[in-house]
Protein backbone atom coordinates (compact mmCIF):
# COMPACT_ATOMS: atom_id res chain seq x y z
CA MET A 1 0.00 0.03 -0.08
CA THR A 2 1.28 3.31 -0.98
CA GLY A 3 0.26 6.82 -0.01
CA HIS A 4 1.27 10.05 1.67
CA PRO A 5 2.44 10.49 5.07
CA GLU A 6 -0.23 12.19 7.32
CA SER A 7 0.27 15.76 8.09
CA PRO A 8 -0.03 16.69 11.77
CA GLN A 9 -2.85 19.07 12.56
CA ARG A 10 -1.89 22.54 12.75
CA ALA A 11 -3.31 25.12 15.18
CA ALA A 12 -4.82 28.30 13.67
CA PRO A 13 -1.97 30.74 12.59
CA ASN A 14 -1.18 33.56 14.86
CA LEU A 15 -2.27 37.17 13.97
CA TYR A 16 0.34 39.61 12.87
CA PRO A 17 0.32 42.63 14.96
CA LEU A 18 0.44 45.94 13.06
CA GLY A 19 0.18 49.59 13.69
CA LEU A 20 -1.64 51.42 10.84
CA ARG A 21 -0.69 54.91 9.86
CA LEU A 22 -4.08 56.20 8.55
CA ALA A 23 -3.52 59.85 8.47
CA GLY A 24 -4.98 61.29 5.39
CA ARG A 25 -6.01 57.71 4.12
CA ARG A 26 -9.58 56.88 3.28
CA VAL A 27 -11.30 54.37 5.73
CA LEU A 28 -14.80 53.15 4.99
CA VAL A 29 -17.23 52.87 7.77
CA VAL A 30 -20.53 51.02 6.97
CA GLY A 31 -23.14 51.45 9.46
CA GLY A 32 -24.28 54.55 11.55
CA GLY A 33 -25.30 52.81 15.00
CA ALA A 34 -23.83 52.24 18.33
CA VAL A 35 -20.81 50.19 17.01
CA ALA A 36 -19.73 53.00 14.64
CA THR A 37 -20.34 55.60 17.39
CA ARG A 38 -17.64 53.61 19.48
CA ARG A 39 -15.18 52.98 16.63
CA VAL A 40 -15.20 56.23 14.62
CA PRO A 41 -13.47 58.49 17.19
CA ALA A 42 -10.33 56.35 17.15
CA LEU A 43 -10.24 56.44 13.33
CA LEU A 44 -10.54 60.32 13.40
CA ASP A 45 -7.93 60.50 16.20
CA ALA A 46 -5.55 58.69 13.82
CA GLY A 47 -6.18 61.34 11.22
CA ALA A 48 -8.08 58.96 8.81
CA ASP A 49 -10.27 60.36 6.07
CA VAL A 50 -13.50 58.63 7.22
CA LEU A 51 -16.19 57.92 4.67
CA LEU A 52 -19.35 56.77 6.49
CA VAL A 53 -22.12 55.02 4.66
CA SER A 54 -25.39 54.57 6.26
CA PRO A 55 -29.11 55.41 5.75
CA GLU A 56 -29.24 56.93 9.38
CA LEU A 57 -26.78 58.17 12.02
CA THR A 58 -26.66 58.38 15.78
CA PRO A 59 -26.64 62.01 17.08
CA ALA A 60 -23.05 61.70 18.11
CA LEU A 61 -22.01 60.66 14.56
CA GLN A 62 -24.18 63.40 13.17
CA ALA A 63 -22.33 65.98 15.27
CA HIS A 64 -18.90 64.73 13.74
CA VAL A 65 -20.54 65.20 10.31
CA ASP A 66 -21.78 68.72 11.20
CA ALA A 67 -18.37 69.64 12.38
CA GLY A 68 -16.68 68.42 9.04
CA ARG A 69 -14.78 65.69 10.66
CA LEU A 70 -16.07 62.99 8.25
CA HIS A 71 -18.07 62.59 5.19
CA TRP A 72 -21.48 60.90 5.21
CA VAL A 73 -23.30 59.15 2.28
CA PRO A 74 -26.91 58.59 3.54
CA ARG A 75 -27.70 55.29 1.80
CA ARG A 76 -26.86 51.48 1.88
CA PHE A 77 -23.54 50.31 0.81
CA THR A 78 -22.43 49.90 -2.76
CA PRO A 79 -19.16 48.30 -4.07
CA ASP A 80 -18.02 51.61 -5.36
CA ASP A 81 -17.88 52.98 -1.83
CA LEU A 82 -14.56 50.97 -1.51
CA ASP A 83 -12.65 52.95 -4.25
CA GLY A 84 -9.72 54.49 -2.61
CA ALA A 85 -10.07 52.74 0.88
CA TRP A 86 -7.40 51.25 2.79
CA LEU A 87 -9.42 49.79 5.53
CA VAL A 88 -13.12 48.91 6.00
CA GLN A 89 -15.14 48.77 9.26
CA VAL A 90 -18.27 47.09 9.01
CA ALA A 91 -20.56 48.20 11.81
CA VAL A 92 -23.97 46.75 10.88
CA ASP A 93 -25.83 43.88 12.69
CA ASP A 94 -27.19 42.44 9.42
CA PRO A 95 -25.13 39.36 8.50
CA LEU A 96 -26.08 39.23 4.87
CA ALA A 97 -25.19 43.07 4.46
CA ALA A 98 -21.97 42.63 6.37
CA ALA A 99 -20.94 39.59 4.32
CA ALA A 100 -21.60 41.58 1.02
CA VAL A 101 -19.19 44.31 2.40
CA SER A 102 -16.72 41.87 3.37
CA ALA A 103 -16.90 39.78 0.11
CA ALA A 104 -16.41 43.18 -1.94
CA ALA A 105 -13.37 44.27 0.20
CA GLN A 106 -11.75 40.86 -0.13
CA GLU A 107 -12.00 41.10 -3.93
CA ARG A 108 -10.17 44.47 -3.74
CA ARG A 109 -7.56 43.13 -1.21
CA ILE A 110 -8.76 45.62 1.25
CA PHE A 111 -8.64 44.53 4.87
CA CYS A 112 -12.05 44.35 6.61
CA VAL A 113 -13.10 44.43 10.19
CA ARG A 114 -16.52 43.00 11.00
CA ALA A 115 -18.35 43.72 14.18
CA ASP A 116 -20.83 40.85 13.63
CA ASP A 117 -18.36 37.93 12.89
CA ARG A 118 -14.86 38.18 13.82
CA ARG A 119 -14.10 34.74 12.13
CA ALA A 120 -15.23 36.06 8.94
CA ALA A 121 -13.05 39.13 9.21
CA THR A 122 -9.71 39.72 7.74
CA ALA A 123 -8.62 42.19 10.45
CA TRP A 124 -9.43 42.58 14.02
CA THR A 125 -9.64 45.52 16.31
CA PRO A 126 -7.80 45.02 19.56
CA ALA A 127 -8.62 46.23 23.14
CA VAL A 128 -6.73 49.53 23.36
CA THR A 129 -5.48 51.64 26.16
CA ARG A 130 -3.68 54.94 25.62
CA HIS A 131 -1.29 56.89 27.89
CA GLY A 132 0.13 59.97 26.13
CA PRO A 133 1.99 58.81 23.12
CA VAL A 134 2.00 55.19 24.33
CA THR A 135 -0.68 52.99 22.57
CA VAL A 136 -1.07 49.44 23.94
CA ALA A 137 -3.22 47.05 21.85
CA VAL A 138 -4.19 43.56 23.10
CA LEU A 139 -5.49 40.62 20.86
CA GLY A 140 -7.10 37.80 22.87
CA GLY A 141 -6.98 35.07 20.19
CA GLY A 142 -10.47 35.67 19.22
CA ASP A 143 -12.01 36.11 22.76
CA PRO A 144 -12.56 39.95 23.25
CA ARG A 145 -13.17 39.41 27.06
CA ARG A 146 -9.63 37.97 27.45
CA ALA A 147 -8.17 40.89 25.44
CA VAL A 148 -10.04 43.47 27.54
CA ALA A 149 -8.90 41.76 30.78
CA ALA A 150 -5.33 41.81 29.70
CA ARG A 151 -5.85 45.58 28.61
CA ASP A 152 -7.29 46.44 31.96
CA ALA A 153 -4.42 44.98 33.71
CA ILE A 154 -1.83 46.71 31.60
CA ARG A 155 -3.82 50.05 31.98
CA ALA A 156 -3.76 49.42 36.00
CA LEU A 157 0.06 49.00 35.94
CA PHE A 158 0.30 52.35 33.92
CA GLU A 159 -1.88 54.04 36.67
CA GLU A 160 0.16 52.66 39.34
CA ARG A 161 3.20 54.08 37.83
CA LYS A 162 1.41 57.55 38.27
CA GLY A 163 0.79 56.83 41.97
CA PRO A 164 -1.34 54.44 44.10
CA PHE A 165 -5.11 54.41 43.57
CA LEU A 166 -6.81 56.58 46.16
CA THR A 167 -10.21 55.49 45.49
CA HIS A 168 -12.14 52.32 46.61
CA PRO A 169 -14.66 50.25 45.00
CA VAL A 170 -18.23 51.44 44.75
CA GLU A 171 -19.80 50.51 48.16
CA GLU A 172 -22.94 52.45 48.09
CA GLY A 173 -24.88 49.95 46.33
CA PRO A 174 -25.73 46.23 46.89
CA PRO A 175 -23.57 43.32 45.81
CA VAL A 176 -23.33 42.81 42.28
CA ASN A 177 -25.54 39.65 42.03
CA THR A 178 -28.66 41.21 43.68
CA PRO A 179 -31.88 41.99 41.85
CA VAL A 180 -31.32 45.77 42.10
CA GLY A 181 -28.28 47.43 40.36
CA ARG A 182 -26.77 50.96 40.78
CA VAL A 183 -26.02 54.00 38.90
CA ALA A 184 -22.97 56.09 38.87
CA LEU A 185 -23.14 59.80 37.56
CA VAL A 186 -19.50 60.10 36.15
CA GLY A 187 -18.17 63.45 34.81
CA ALA A 188 -16.19 62.60 31.81
CA GLY A 189 -14.22 65.89 31.71
CA PRO A 190 -14.10 68.68 28.99
CA GLY A 191 -12.82 66.58 26.07
CA ASP A 192 -9.36 65.16 26.40
CA PRO A 193 -10.15 61.55 27.26
CA GLU A 194 -7.01 61.49 29.74
CA LEU A 195 -8.87 64.24 31.88
CA ILE A 196 -11.42 61.74 33.23
CA THR A 197 -10.71 60.95 36.99
CA VAL A 198 -9.14 57.71 37.88
CA LYS A 199 -12.36 56.65 39.73
CA GLY A 200 -14.50 57.58 36.85
CA TRP A 201 -12.47 55.60 34.47
CA ARG A 202 -12.55 52.66 36.77
CA LEU A 203 -16.35 52.75 37.22
CA LEU A 204 -16.60 52.87 33.28
CA THR A 205 -14.68 49.72 33.12
CA GLU A 206 -16.99 48.10 35.48
CA ALA A 207 -20.17 49.10 33.74
CA ASP A 208 -22.78 46.75 32.31
CA VAL A 209 -24.55 49.77 30.61
CA VAL A 210 -23.11 53.33 29.55
CA VAL A 211 -25.70 56.22 28.89
CA ALA A 212 -23.42 58.63 27.16
CA ASP A 213 -23.77 62.44 26.03
CA ARG A 214 -22.38 63.95 22.80
CA LEU A 215 -19.82 65.79 24.71
CA VAL A 216 -18.33 62.73 26.15
CA PRO A 217 -14.79 62.13 24.65
CA GLY A 218 -15.20 59.60 22.06
CA LEU A 219 -12.13 57.60 22.79
CA LEU A 220 -13.51 56.63 26.25
CA LEU A 221 -16.27 54.88 24.28
CA ASP A 222 -13.77 53.02 22.13
CA GLU A 223 -12.23 51.38 25.31
CA LEU A 224 -15.61 49.93 26.65
CA ARG A 225 -15.94 46.16 26.84
CA PRO A 226 -17.64 44.73 23.91
CA ASP A 227 -20.63 43.27 25.71
CA VAL A 228 -21.43 46.87 27.35
CA GLU A 229 -24.71 48.29 26.15
CA LEU A 230 -24.11 51.77 24.89
CA VAL A 231 -27.14 54.10 24.95
CA ASP A 232 -26.42 57.30 22.88
CA ALA A 233 -28.36 60.08 24.76
CA SER A 234 -26.67 62.79 22.81
CA LYS A 235 -28.12 66.13 23.18
CA ILE A 236 -26.92 68.31 20.21
CA PRO A 237 -27.44 72.12 21.05
CA TYR A 238 -30.61 73.47 19.43
CA GLY A 239 -31.24 70.27 17.55
CA PRO A 240 -33.17 66.83 18.19
CA SER A 241 -32.57 65.37 21.73
CA ARG A 242 -33.81 62.67 23.80
CA ALA A 243 -36.19 63.77 26.50
CA GLN A 244 -34.66 63.86 29.94
CA GLU A 245 -37.57 61.85 31.25
CA GLU A 246 -36.46 59.05 28.76
CA ILE A 247 -32.96 59.23 30.05
CA ASN A 248 -34.18 58.98 33.68
CA ARG A 249 -36.37 55.92 32.67
CA ILE A 250 -33.39 54.28 31.01
CA LEU A 251 -31.16 54.70 34.11
CA VAL A 252 -33.90 53.32 36.52
CA ASP A 253 -35.04 50.42 34.28
CA ARG A 254 -31.63 49.16 33.54
CA ALA A 255 -30.66 49.33 37.34
CA ARG A 256 -33.99 47.75 38.31
CA ALA A 257 -32.87 44.76 36.06
CA GLY A 258 -29.67 44.30 37.89
CA ALA A 259 -27.19 46.29 35.76
CA PHE A 260 -24.58 48.62 36.93
CA VAL A 261 -25.32 51.75 34.85
CA VAL A 262 -22.74 54.61 34.30
CA ARG A 263 -24.34 57.89 33.24
CA LEU A 264 -21.33 59.43 31.40
CA LYS A 265 -21.69 63.13 31.02
CA GLY A 266 -19.35 65.83 29.48
CA GLY A 267 -17.63 68.02 32.06
CA ASP A 268 -19.10 67.72 35.50
CA PRO A 269 -22.51 65.99 36.29
CA TYR A 270 -23.77 69.17 38.10
CA VAL A 271 -22.42 71.94 36.07
CA PHE A 272 -25.56 72.49 33.70
CA GLY A 273 -25.45 68.71 33.21
CA ARG A 274 -28.97 67.93 34.75
CA GLY A 275 -27.17 65.35 36.93
CA GLY A 276 -29.43 66.47 39.93
CA GLU A 277 -32.58 65.56 38.08
CA GLU A 278 -31.25 62.05 37.42
CA LEU A 279 -29.97 61.38 40.89
CA LEU A 280 -33.53 62.47 42.05
CA ALA A 281 -35.33 60.14 39.59
CA CYS A 282 -32.90 57.27 40.78
CA ALA A 283 -33.50 58.06 44.45
CA ALA A 284 -37.26 58.17 44.08
CA ALA A 285 -37.05 54.55 42.48
CA GLY A 286 -34.69 53.22 45.27
CA ILE A 287 -31.74 53.07 43.17
CA PRO A 288 -28.43 53.67 44.83
CA VAL A 289 -26.34 56.34 43.20
CA THR A 290 -22.70 57.28 43.18
CA VAL A 291 -21.57 60.74 42.01
CA VAL A 292 -18.05 61.21 40.51
CA PRO A 293 -17.29 64.88 39.94
CA GLY A 294 -15.60 65.76 36.53
CA VAL A 295 -13.30 68.36 35.28
CA THR A 296 -15.65 71.26 34.12
CA SER A 297 -15.04 73.10 30.72
CA SER A 298 -15.90 76.44 32.43
CA ILE A 299 -12.41 76.30 34.09
CA ALA A 300 -10.51 73.73 31.77
CA ALA A 301 -11.19 75.30 28.49
CA PRO A 302 -10.04 78.86 29.39
CA ALA A 303 -6.94 77.19 31.22
CA VAL A 304 -5.75 75.25 28.27
CA ALA A 305 -6.18 78.58 26.24
CA GLY A 306 -3.88 80.25 28.48
CA ILE A 307 -6.59 82.03 30.48
CA PRO A 308 -6.78 81.64 34.19
CA VAL A 309 -10.14 82.47 35.48
CA THR A 310 -8.67 84.00 38.49
CA HIS A 311 -5.27 85.83 38.67
CA ARG A 312 -3.52 87.62 41.50
CA GLY A 313 -4.09 91.37 41.14
CA VAL A 314 -6.44 90.91 38.19
CA ALA A 315 -9.55 88.99 39.29
CA HIS A 316 -10.59 87.67 42.78
CA GLU A 317 -13.85 86.13 41.57
CA PHE A 318 -15.32 84.24 38.66
CA THR A 319 -18.93 83.57 37.80
CA VAL A 320 -20.31 80.75 35.59
CA VAL A 321 -23.64 81.18 33.94
CA SER A 322 -25.52 79.47 31.22
CA GLY A 323 -26.32 81.33 28.05
CA HIS A 324 -28.66 78.87 26.36
CA LEU A 325 -31.55 81.21 26.98
CA ALA A 326 -31.26 84.87 25.75
CA PRO A 327 -31.15 87.55 28.37
CA ASP A 328 -34.74 88.62 27.59
CA HIS A 329 -36.20 85.13 27.68
CA PRO A 330 -38.82 84.91 30.20
CA ALA A 331 -37.55 81.51 31.59
CA SER A 332 -33.91 82.97 32.11
CA LEU A 333 -32.88 82.91 35.65
CA VAL A 334 -29.61 84.86 35.15
CA ASN A 335 -29.44 88.54 36.46
CA TRP A 336 -27.37 89.90 33.58
CA ALA A 337 -27.60 93.47 34.88
CA ALA A 338 -25.98 92.52 38.14
CA LEU A 339 -23.27 90.57 36.30
CA ALA A 340 -22.43 93.54 34.16
CA GLY A 341 -21.56 95.41 37.51
CA LEU A 342 -19.07 92.77 38.64
CA ARG A 343 -15.35 93.34 38.22
CA GLY A 344 -14.33 89.68 38.14
CA THR A 345 -14.35 86.97 35.38
CA LEU A 346 -17.46 85.90 33.63
CA VAL A 347 -17.63 82.67 32.16
CA VAL A 348 -20.60 81.69 29.89
CA LEU A 349 -21.31 78.04 28.89
CA MET A 350 -23.84 77.28 25.93
CA GLY A 351 -23.96 80.94 24.97
CA LEU A 352 -22.65 81.16 21.47
CA LYS A 353 -26.03 81.25 19.68
CA ASN A 354 -27.25 84.28 22.07
CA LEU A 355 -23.73 85.84 22.27
CA ALA A 356 -24.72 89.12 20.45
CA ALA A 357 -27.83 89.52 22.73
CA ILE A 358 -25.61 88.71 25.97
CA VAL A 359 -23.04 91.18 24.85
CA GLY A 360 -25.68 93.81 24.13
CA THR A 361 -27.11 93.20 27.55
CA LEU A 362 -23.87 93.51 29.48
CA VAL A 363 -22.63 96.61 27.82
CA ALA A 364 -26.10 98.21 28.12
CA HIS A 365 -25.82 97.75 31.93
CA GLY A 366 -22.28 99.12 32.30
CA ARG A 367 -19.75 96.69 31.31
CA PRO A 368 -17.19 98.52 29.18
CA ALA A 369 -17.27 97.42 25.66
CA ASP A 370 -13.37 97.33 25.54
CA THR A 371 -13.40 94.51 28.25
CA PRO A 372 -11.33 91.75 26.94
CA ALA A 373 -13.14 88.76 25.83
CA ALA A 374 -12.44 85.25 24.45
CA VAL A 375 -14.05 82.41 22.96
CA VAL A 376 -12.61 78.82 23.28
CA GLN A 377 -14.21 76.20 21.08
CA GLU A 378 -13.71 72.59 21.83
CA GLY A 379 -11.08 73.20 24.63
CA THR A 380 -8.62 70.55 25.58
CA THR A 381 -9.27 68.55 22.15
CA GLY A 382 -7.51 68.49 18.90
CA SER A 383 -10.06 70.66 17.38
CA GLN A 384 -9.48 73.36 19.88
CA ARG A 385 -9.87 77.03 18.53
CA VAL A 386 -9.24 80.20 20.43
CA LEU A 387 -10.55 83.68 19.53
CA ARG A 388 -9.33 86.85 21.75
CA SER A 389 -11.28 90.02 21.22
CA THR A 390 -13.13 92.57 23.20
CA LEU A 391 -16.72 92.29 24.70
CA GLY A 392 -18.02 94.89 21.98
CA ARG A 393 -16.57 92.88 19.17
CA VAL A 394 -16.42 89.31 20.20
CA ALA A 395 -20.08 88.20 18.93
CA GLU A 396 -19.31 89.53 15.34
CA GLU A 397 -15.85 88.15 15.23
CA ALA A 398 -16.78 84.79 16.59
CA GLY A 399 -19.52 84.63 13.78
CA ALA A 400 -17.09 85.67 11.18
CA ALA A 401 -14.55 82.96 12.31
CA GLY A 402 -17.19 80.32 12.10
CA LEU A 403 -16.87 79.23 15.72
CA ARG A 404 -19.35 76.53 16.75
CA PRO A 405 -20.62 74.94 20.01
CA PRO A 406 -19.35 73.52 22.27
CA ALA A 407 -17.53 76.81 23.14
CA VAL A 408 -16.77 78.66 26.34
CA VAL A 409 -17.03 82.44 26.45
CA VAL A 410 -14.88 84.36 28.88
CA VAL A 411 -15.08 88.13 29.80
CA GLY A 412 -12.73 89.87 31.94
CA ASP A 413 -9.10 91.18 32.21
CA VAL A 414 -7.86 87.64 32.83
CA VAL A 415 -8.02 87.02 28.95
CA HIS A 416 -4.76 88.94 28.78
CA ALA A 417 -3.39 88.20 32.17
CA LEU A 418 -0.77 85.82 31.18
CA ALA A 419 -0.09 87.58 27.86
CA ASP A 420 0.93 90.74 29.58
């Protein structure tokens, strides 16, 4: 009897780890839901030229489109969308649609990441943690939970090198395996993902459900465990928004089902963040709540622009107000006339749309028109822009410069305190 010797069984080949330099290169993202919301920020952070194809978008993705950070084609995928692409991210939950994108990419020899079926993909996204210029990416051999566990252990080592953890596990709520869960109101900071507190990040890694606002740093969402339910509660200024009552209901319902829910909010939960309303809703339902303060943009955005809100010999006070209602609006609670008489720093959040009316009111009540003023757009992020002007000219110049929300307006001599 003749024949060929039997070949020993081979294990699945190892993956070849690689760092992609995507700056200026086209990346196609197919799908506009929660998965795309989590993946797009990292692509934008890498400088990729993102083309997003989907009939609909989440509010968070729409905000990226409105800001000009990516191009959106509002329809279903066609093979021509792959023209010029270096990488494809398939972020749809329809297996047939995902397979069609994957097949078209393979014909063109373009690497394809699939959220619905890792085994059918030609590339995998690792579990990632970032510390300044250092990026650690972990692949778990097809098991995303193993990759996340290893990633979290590495991140803990990084944090320990900065200093010991001074926080303790959440003890306000009942044990995890009980019918009632718990809620944490976590301030995510002003935009830079590294400005979330250590405790805030730790609770985020423990979450079963994350309810996130539009102003939450997108890279924080990219680091969530793959099994975390992400609820996009984006509230784009002066556009469509999910009712606060619906957000309250989601927090209560998920916690009643036994989940640990993190309400991730831009800045600080209690600085015009409606965190108090969410705490009261949870308390009324008997849900334990932990509050984790965050770095507020009212101080951080001016700071990174070189503007201290107080400075010795210049300003001994600062006042933070909301400008989302015009001064003459009957529902406004701000005493603009009194603010005009103060000598310290005035910080206005959410006031860009009404800036002309705010300026007119302050000047009419005695604040000199030549008072230094500044606008800081998207402070602490890579999209930060700073405009320095005077109170009398800032509204016109901000409009001419095309500044957009989110932006912080600063009025007072501190605008030039460090420049002088």
